[in-house]
Amino acid sequence: MNLTPAQRQTVSWLLIAAVLFALLWLLAPVLALFLVAAVLAYAPHPAVEALARRLVRARPGRVAGGGAGRRGRVGHGCC
């Protein structure tokens, strides 16, 4: 069977797609757990942010960006 280059490329992409589909089909039980974990990690994020903003406003005596635990540290801007 002689195929043109365009037909060979189409057959190659179809084979790659079939292999990926079969791999996803076989790994579906494992991947489903990761999907559920991602949803559980990101779904409540807006509610947590709103609660954090509300709790920060509820403490009027708090000084933003500082505290006794941060004094003397140099170069630790992330924590």
PDB file of N, CA and C in Angstrom:
ATOM      1  N   MET A   1       0.854  -1.162   0.000  1.00  0.00           N
ATOM      2  CA  MET A   1       0.000   0.000   0.000  1.00  0.00           C
ATOM      3  C   MET A   1       0.907   1.234   0.000  1.00  0.00           C
ATOM      4  N   ASN A   2       0.784   2.016  -1.024  1.00  0.00           N
ATOM      5  CA  ASN A   2       1.564   3.236  -1.154  1.00  0.00           C
ATOM      6  C   ASN A   2       0.740   4.418  -0.663  1.00  0.00           C
ATOM      7  N   LEU A   3       1.285   5.127   0.301  1.00  0.00           N
ATOM      8  CA  LEU A   3       0.593   6.292   0.856  1.00  0.00           C
ATOM      9  C   LEU A   3       1.365   7.552   0.506  1.00  0.00           C
ATOM     10  N   THR A   4       0.624   8.604   0.294  1.00  0.00           N
ATOM     11  CA  THR A   4       1.258   9.892   0.063  1.00  0.00           C
ATOM     12  C   THR A   4       1.766  10.409   1.408  1.00  0.00           C
ATOM     13  N   PRO A   5       2.671  11.382   1.395  1.00  0.00           N
ATOM     14  CA  PRO A   5       3.146  11.930   2.676  1.00  0.00           C
ATOM     15  C   PRO A   5       2.011  12.485   3.544  1.00  0.00           C
ATOM     16  N   ALA A   6       1.026  13.094   2.944  1.00  0.00           N
ATOM     17  CA  ALA A   6      -0.102  13.631   3.722  1.00  0.00           C
ATOM     18  C   ALA A   6      -0.904  12.505   4.365  1.00  0.00           C
ATOM     19  N   GLN A   7      -1.080  11.399   3.620  1.00  0.00           N
ATOM     20  CA  GLN A   7      -1.813  10.264   4.173  1.00  0.00           C
ATOM     21  C   GLN A   7      -1.015   9.588   5.296  1.00  0.00           C
ATOM     22  N   ARG A   8       0.298   9.486   5.112  1.00  0.00           N
ATOM     23  CA  ARG A   8       1.144   8.918   6.181  1.00  0.00           C
ATOM     24  C   ARG A   8       1.075   9.760   7.447  1.00  0.00           C
ATOM     25  N   GLN A   9       1.083  11.089   7.270  1.00  0.00           N
ATOM     26  CA  GLN A   9       0.998  11.970   8.434  1.00  0.00           C
ATOM     27  C   GLN A   9      -0.353  11.803   9.119  1.00  0.00           C
ATOM     28  N   THR A  10      -1.420  11.694   8.344  1.00  0.00           N
ATOM     29  CA  THR A  10      -2.749  11.498   8.929  1.00  0.00           C
ATOM     30  C   THR A  10      -2.822  10.182   9.689  1.00  0.00           C
ATOM     31  N   VAL A  11      -2.287   9.119   9.097  1.00  0.00           N
ATOM     32  CA  VAL A  11      -2.285   7.811   9.776  1.00  0.00           C
ATOM     33  C   VAL A  11      -1.456   7.883  11.059  1.00  0.00           C
ATOM     34  N   SER A  12      -0.330   8.572  11.011  1.00  0.00           N
ATOM     35  CA  SER A  12       0.507   8.704  12.202  1.00  0.00           C
ATOM     36  C   SER A  12      -0.233   9.420  13.313  1.00  0.00           C
ATOM     37  N   TRP A  13      -0.888  10.537  12.986  1.00  0.00           N
ATOM     38  CA  TRP A  13      -1.628  11.280  14.011  1.00  0.00           C
ATOM     39  C   TRP A  13      -2.796  10.462  14.556  1.00  0.00           C
ATOM     40  N   LEU A  14      -3.449   9.686  13.688  1.00  0.00           N
ATOM     41  CA  LEU A  14      -4.545   8.837  14.161  1.00  0.00           C
ATOM     42  C   LEU A  14      -4.033   7.747  15.102  1.00  0.00           C
ATOM     43  N   LEU A  15      -2.884   7.181  14.793  1.00  0.00           N
ATOM     44  CA  LEU A  15      -2.303   6.178  15.695  1.00  0.00           C
ATOM     45  C   LEU A  15      -1.896   6.794  17.036  1.00  0.00           C
ATOM     46  N   ILE A  16      -1.314   7.980  16.994  1.00  0.00           N
ATOM     47  CA  ILE A  16      -0.944   8.656  18.241  1.00  0.00           C
ATOM     48  C   ILE A  16      -2.183   8.961  19.071  1.00  0.00           C
ATOM     49  N   ALA A  17      -3.242   9.437  18.401  1.00  0.00           N
ATOM     50  CA  ALA A  17      -4.485   9.734  19.110  1.00  0.00           C
ATOM     51  C   ALA A  17      -5.086   8.469  19.709  1.00  0.00           C
ATOM     52  N   ALA A  18      -5.033   7.356  18.975  1.00  0.00           N
ATOM     53  CA  ALA A  18      -5.583   6.094  19.486  1.00  0.00           C
ATOM     54  C   ALA A  18      -4.792   5.606  20.694  1.00  0.00           C
ATOM     55  N   VAL A  19      -3.484   5.721  20.644  1.00  0.00           N
ATOM     56  CA  VAL A  19      -2.653   5.299  21.773  1.00  0.00           C
ATOM     57  C   VAL A  19      -2.931   6.175  22.995  1.00  0.00           C
ATOM     58  N   LEU A  20      -3.026   7.478  22.797  1.00  0.00           N
ATOM     59  CA  LEU A  20      -3.325   8.375  23.921  1.00  0.00           C
ATOM     60  C   LEU A  20      -4.705   8.099  24.507  1.00  0.00           C
ATOM     61  N   PHE A  21      -5.679   7.845  23.636  1.00  0.00           N
ATOM     62  CA  PHE A  21      -7.025   7.534  24.130  1.00  0.00           C
ATOM     63  C   PHE A  21      -7.010   6.239  24.936  1.00  0.00           C
ATOM     64  N   ALA A  22      -6.304   5.217  24.443  1.00  0.00           N
ATOM     65  CA  ALA A  22      -6.226   3.951  25.171  1.00  0.00           C
ATOM     66  C   ALA A  22      -5.526   4.132  26.517  1.00  0.00           C
ATOM     67  N   LEU A  23      -4.476   4.946  26.525  1.00  0.00           N
ATOM     68  CA  LEU A  23      -3.760   5.210  27.768  1.00  0.00           C
ATOM     69  C   LEU A  23      -4.652   5.935  28.773  1.00  0.00           C
ATOM     70  N   LEU A  24      -5.375   6.936  28.304  1.00  0.00           N
ATOM     71  CA  LEU A  24      -6.314   7.638  29.195  1.00  0.00           C
ATOM     72  C   LEU A  24      -7.408   6.699  29.691  1.00  0.00           C
ATOM     73  N   TRP A  25      -7.880   5.823  28.826  1.00  0.00           N
ATOM     74  CA  TRP A  25      -8.936   4.880  29.206  1.00  0.00           C
ATOM     75  C   TRP A  25      -8.427   3.933  30.303  1.00  0.00           C
ATOM     76  N   LEU A  26      -7.194   3.459  30.142  1.00  0.00           N
ATOM     77  CA  LEU A  26      -6.645   2.536  31.134  1.00  0.00           C
ATOM     78  C   LEU A  26      -6.305   3.225  32.450  1.00  0.00           C
ATOM     79  N   LEU A  27      -5.886   4.479  32.395  1.00  0.00           N
ATOM     80  CA  LEU A  27      -5.490   5.201  33.602  1.00  0.00           C
ATOM     81  C   LEU A  27      -6.631   6.015  34.217  1.00  0.00           C
ATOM     82  N   ALA A  28      -7.822   5.898  33.687  1.00  0.00           N
ATOM     83  CA  ALA A  28      -8.958   6.692  34.167  1.00  0.00           C
ATOM     84  C   ALA A  28      -9.201   6.542  35.671  1.00  0.00           C
ATOM     85  N   PRO A  29      -9.141   5.345  36.247  1.00  0.00           N
ATOM     86  CA  PRO A  29      -9.384   5.250  37.695  1.00  0.00           C
ATOM     87  C   PRO A  29      -8.366   6.041  38.525  1.00  0.00           C
ATOM     88  N   VAL A  30      -7.120   6.057  38.099  1.00  0.00           N
ATOM     89  CA  VAL A  30      -6.093   6.787  38.832  1.00  0.00           C
ATOM     90  C   VAL A  30      -6.224   8.292  38.578  1.00  0.00           C
ATOM     91  N   LEU A  31      -6.436   8.658  37.326  1.00  0.00           N
ATOM     92  CA  LEU A  31      -6.542  10.077  36.978  1.00  0.00           C
ATOM     93  C   LEU A  31      -7.774  10.725  37.602  1.00  0.00           C
ATOM     94  N   ALA A  32      -8.825   9.942  37.814  1.00  0.00           N
ATOM     95  CA  ALA A  32     -10.030  10.478  38.439  1.00  0.00           C
ATOM     96  C   ALA A  32      -9.728  10.972  39.860  1.00  0.00           C
ATOM     97  N   LEU A  33      -8.867  10.254  40.570  1.00  0.00           N
ATOM     98  CA  LEU A  33      -8.512  10.685  41.922  1.00  0.00           C
ATOM     99  C   LEU A  33      -7.778  12.018  41.899  1.00  0.00           C
ATOM    100  N   PHE A  34      -6.888  12.198  40.921  1.00  0.00           N
ATOM    101  CA  PHE A  34      -6.189  13.477  40.799  1.00  0.00           C
ATOM    102  C   PHE A  34      -7.152  14.603  40.432  1.00  0.00           C
ATOM    103  N   LEU A  35      -8.128  14.302  39.593  1.00  0.00           N
ATOM    104  CA  LEU A  35      -9.123  15.303  39.226  1.00  0.00           C
ATOM    105  C   LEU A  35      -9.949  15.714  40.441  1.00  0.00           C
ATOM    106  N   VAL A  36     -10.365  14.754  41.231  1.00  0.00           N
ATOM    107  CA  VAL A  36     -11.133  15.062  42.450  1.00  0.00           C
ATOM    108  C   VAL A  36     -10.274  15.875  43.417  1.00  0.00           C
ATOM    109  N   ALA A  37      -9.010  15.523  43.550  1.00  0.00           N
ATOM    110  CA  ALA A  37      -8.119  16.265  44.446  1.00  0.00           C
ATOM    111  C   ALA A  37      -7.940  17.701  43.962  1.00  0.00           C
ATOM    112  N   ALA A  38      -7.828  17.903  42.667  1.00  0.00           N
ATOM    113  CA  ALA A  38      -7.679  19.256  42.127  1.00  0.00           C
ATOM    114  C   ALA A  38      -8.930  20.087  42.389  1.00  0.00           C
ATOM    115  N   VAL A  39     -10.083  19.488  42.200  1.00  0.00           N
ATOM    116  CA  VAL A  39     -11.335  20.215  42.467  1.00  0.00           C
ATOM    117  C   VAL A  39     -11.442  20.558  43.945  1.00  0.00           C
ATOM    118  N   LEU A  40     -11.112  19.612  44.815  1.00  0.00           N
ATOM    119  CA  LEU A  40     -11.188  19.876  46.249  1.00  0.00           C
ATOM    120  C   LEU A  40     -10.153  20.903  46.697  1.00  0.00           C
ATOM    121  N   ALA A  41      -9.054  21.014  45.972  1.00  0.00           N
ATOM    122  CA  ALA A  41      -8.030  21.988  46.339  1.00  0.00           C
ATOM    123  C   ALA A  41      -8.399  23.394  45.897  1.00  0.00           C
ATOM    124  N   TYR A  42      -9.008  23.528  44.733  1.00  0.00           N
ATOM    125  CA  TYR A  42      -9.241  24.855  44.171  1.00  0.00           C
ATOM    126  C   TYR A  42     -10.661  25.373  44.352  1.00  0.00           C
ATOM    127  N   ALA A  43     -11.643  24.521  44.536  1.00  0.00           N
ATOM    128  CA  ALA A  43     -13.027  24.969  44.651  1.00  0.00           C
ATOM    129  C   ALA A  43     -13.267  25.868  45.865  1.00  0.00           C
ATOM    130  N   PRO A  44     -12.774  25.529  47.061  1.00  0.00           N
ATOM    131  CA  PRO A  44     -13.044  26.386  48.211  1.00  0.00           C
ATOM    132  C   PRO A  44     -12.124  27.603  48.314  1.00  0.00           C
ATOM    133  N   HIS A  45     -11.219  27.791  47.361  1.00  0.00           N
ATOM    134  CA  HIS A  45     -10.248  28.883  47.454  1.00  0.00           C
ATOM    135  C   HIS A  45     -10.907  30.263  47.579  1.00  0.00           C
ATOM    136  N   PRO A  46     -11.933  30.618  46.790  1.00  0.00           N
ATOM    137  CA  PRO A  46     -12.559  31.936  46.967  1.00  0.00           C
ATOM    138  C   PRO A  46     -13.162  32.133  48.358  1.00  0.00           C
ATOM    139  N   ALA A  47     -13.752  31.087  48.904  1.00  0.00           N
ATOM    140  CA  ALA A  47     -14.340  31.196  50.241  1.00  0.00           C
ATOM    141  C   ALA A  47     -13.252  31.388  51.296  1.00  0.00           C
ATOM    142  N   VAL A  48     -12.142  30.712  51.133  1.00  0.00           N
ATOM    143  CA  VAL A  48     -11.036  30.848  52.080  1.00  0.00           C
ATOM    144  C   VAL A  48     -10.446  32.255  52.000  1.00  0.00           C
ATOM    145  N   GLU A  49     -10.299  32.782  50.788  1.00  0.00           N
ATOM    146  CA  GLU A  49      -9.788  34.145  50.626  1.00  0.00           C
ATOM    147  C   GLU A  49     -10.718  35.163  51.283  1.00  0.00           C
ATOM    148  N   ALA A  50     -12.025  35.007  51.102  1.00  0.00           N
ATOM    149  CA  ALA A  50     -12.980  35.922  51.710  1.00  0.00           C
ATOM    150  C   ALA A  50     -12.926  35.841  53.229  1.00  0.00           C
ATOM    151  N   LEU A  51     -12.818  34.636  53.746  1.00  0.00           N
ATOM    152  CA  LEU A  51     -12.717  34.456  55.192  1.00  0.00           C
ATOM    153  C   LEU A  51     -11.430  35.067  55.722  1.00  0.00           C
ATOM    154  N   ALA A  52     -10.351  34.917  55.007  1.00  0.00           N
ATOM    155  CA  ALA A  52      -9.076  35.496  55.440  1.00  0.00           C
ATOM    156  C   ALA A  52      -9.155  37.020  55.451  1.00  0.00           C
ATOM    157  N   ARG A  53      -9.769  37.611  54.436  1.00  0.00           N
ATOM    158  CA  ARG A  53      -9.929  39.073  54.422  1.00  0.00           C
ATOM    159  C   ARG A  53     -10.791  39.539  55.587  1.00  0.00           C
ATOM    160  N   ARG A  54     -11.837  38.785  55.885  1.00  0.00           N
ATOM    161  CA  ARG A  54     -12.725  39.154  56.984  1.00  0.00           C
ATOM    162  C   ARG A  54     -12.008  39.057  58.325  1.00  0.00           C
ATOM    163  N   LEU A  55     -11.182  38.018  58.503  1.00  0.00           N
ATOM    164  CA  LEU A  55     -10.469  37.849  59.765  1.00  0.00           C
ATOM    165  C   LEU A  55      -9.380  38.898  59.941  1.00  0.00           C
ATOM    166  N   VAL A  56      -8.734  39.317  58.865  1.00  0.00           N
ATOM    167  CA  VAL A  56      -7.702  40.344  58.963  1.00  0.00           C
ATOM    168  C   VAL A  56      -8.334  41.676  59.342  1.00  0.00           C
ATOM    169  N   ARG A  57      -9.511  41.979  58.779  1.00  0.00           N
ATOM    170  CA  ARG A  57     -10.203  43.229  59.131  1.00  0.00           C
ATOM    171  C   ARG A  57     -10.718  43.200  60.568  1.00  0.00           C
ATOM    172  N   ALA A  58     -10.934  42.018  61.121  1.00  0.00           N
ATOM    173  CA  ALA A  58     -11.489  41.916  62.467  1.00  0.00           C
ATOM    174  C   ALA A  58     -10.451  42.211  63.541  1.00  0.00           C
ATOM    175  N   ARG A  59      -9.176  42.332  63.181  1.00  0.00           N
ATOM    176  CA  ARG A  59      -8.114  42.622  64.147  1.00  0.00           C
ATOM    177  C   ARG A  59      -7.557  44.012  63.888  1.00  0.00           C
ATOM    178  N   PRO A  60      -8.144  45.039  64.481  1.00  0.00           N
ATOM    179  CA  PRO A  60      -7.710  46.405  64.163  1.00  0.00           C
ATOM    180  C   PRO A  60      -6.329  46.757  64.702  1.00  0.00           C
ATOM    181  N   GLY A  61      -5.839  46.110  65.735  1.00  0.00           N
ATOM    182  CA  GLY A  61      -4.559  46.471  66.310  1.00  0.00           C
ATOM    183  C   GLY A  61      -3.376  45.825  65.613  1.00  0.00           C
ATOM    184  N   ARG A  62      -3.620  45.079  64.602  1.00  0.00           N
ATOM    185  CA  ARG A  62      -2.557  44.351  63.925  1.00  0.00           C
ATOM    186  C   ARG A  62      -1.790  45.275  62.977  1.00  0.00           C
ATOM    187  N   VAL A  63      -0.471  45.150  62.989  1.00  0.00           N
ATOM    188  CA  VAL A  63       0.374  45.951  62.109  1.00  0.00           C
ATOM    189  C   VAL A  63       0.663  45.124  60.862  1.00  0.00           C
ATOM    190  N   ALA A  64       0.419  45.701  59.710  1.00  0.00           N
ATOM    191  CA  ALA A  64       0.608  44.966  58.460  1.00  0.00           C
ATOM    192  C   ALA A  64       2.084  44.776  58.159  1.00  0.00           C
ATOM    193  N   GLY A  65       2.447  43.567  57.770  1.00  0.00           N
ATOM    194  CA  GLY A  65       3.783  43.285  57.281  1.00  0.00           C
ATOM    195  C   GLY A  65       4.864  43.136  58.319  1.00  0.00           C
ATOM    196  N   GLY A  66       4.550  42.979  59.558  1.00  0.00           N
ATOM    197  CA  GLY A  66       5.628  42.869  60.536  1.00  0.00           C
ATOM    198  C   GLY A  66       5.227  42.090  61.751  1.00  0.00           C
ATOM    199  N   GLY A  67       6.102  42.101  62.699  1.00  0.00           N
ATOM    200  CA  GLY A  67       5.856  41.387  63.937  1.00  0.00           C
ATOM    201  C   GLY A  67       7.176  40.979  64.537  1.00  0.00           C
ATOM    202  N   ALA A  68       7.128  40.509  65.763  1.00  0.00           N
ATOM    203  CA  ALA A  68       8.361  40.165  66.460  1.00  0.00           C
ATOM    204  C   ALA A  68       9.077  39.002  65.789  1.00  0.00           C
ATOM    205  N   GLY A  69       8.337  38.135  65.135  1.00  0.00           N
ATOM    206  CA  GLY A  69       8.958  36.985  64.494  1.00  0.00           C
ATOM    207  C   GLY A  69       9.758  37.336  63.259  1.00  0.00           C
ATOM    208  N   ARG A  70       9.571  38.478  62.670  1.00  0.00           N
ATOM    209  CA  ARG A  70      10.240  38.822  61.429  1.00  0.00           C
ATOM    210  C   ARG A  70      11.451  39.727  61.646  1.00  0.00           C
ATOM    211  N   ARG A  71      11.661  40.232  62.811  1.00  0.00           N
ATOM    212  CA  ARG A  71      12.750  41.179  63.029  1.00  0.00           C
ATOM    213  C   ARG A  71      14.088  40.489  62.915  1.00  0.00           C
ATOM    214  N   GLY A  72      15.024  41.163  62.300  1.00  0.00           N
ATOM    215  CA  GLY A  72      16.362  40.655  62.193  1.00  0.00           C
ATOM    216  C   GLY A  72      16.598  39.738  61.012  1.00  0.00           C
ATOM    217  N   ARG A  73      15.566  39.382  60.288  1.00  0.00           N
ATOM    218  CA  ARG A  73      15.743  38.516  59.113  1.00  0.00           C
ATOM    219  C   ARG A  73      15.994  39.374  57.891  1.00  0.00           C
ATOM    220  N   VAL A  74      16.981  38.994  57.146  1.00  0.00           N
ATOM    221  CA  VAL A  74      17.301  39.706  55.921  1.00  0.00           C
ATOM    222  C   VAL A  74      17.182  38.735  54.761  1.00  0.00           C
ATOM    223  N   GLY A  75      16.496  39.151  53.698  1.00  0.00           N
ATOM    224  CA  GLY A  75      16.381  38.328  52.519  1.00  0.00           C
ATOM    225  C   GLY A  75      15.325  37.255  52.580  1.00  0.00           C
ATOM    226  N   HIS A  76      14.439  37.314  53.521  1.00  0.00           N
ATOM    227  CA  HIS A  76      13.350  36.341  53.620  1.00  0.00           C
ATOM    228  C   HIS A  76      12.026  37.043  53.359  1.00  0.00           C
ATOM    229  N   GLY A  77      11.866  37.576  52.181  1.00  0.00           N
ATOM    230  CA  GLY A  77      10.651  38.311  51.862  1.00  0.00           C
ATOM    231  C   GLY A  77       9.433  37.446  51.618  1.00  0.00           C
ATOM    232  N   CYS A  78       9.619  36.145  51.429  1.00  0.00           N
ATOM    233  CA  CYS A  78       8.476  35.301  51.092  1.00  0.00           C
ATOM    234  C   CYS A  78       7.703  34.826  52.309  1.00  0.00           C
ATOM    235  N   CYS A  79       8.303  34.790  53.465  1.00  0.00           N
ATOM    236  CA  CYS A  79       7.659  34.165  54.628  1.00  0.00           C
ATOM    237  C   CYS A  79       7.376  35.150  55.730  1.00  0.00           C
TER     238      CYS A  79
END
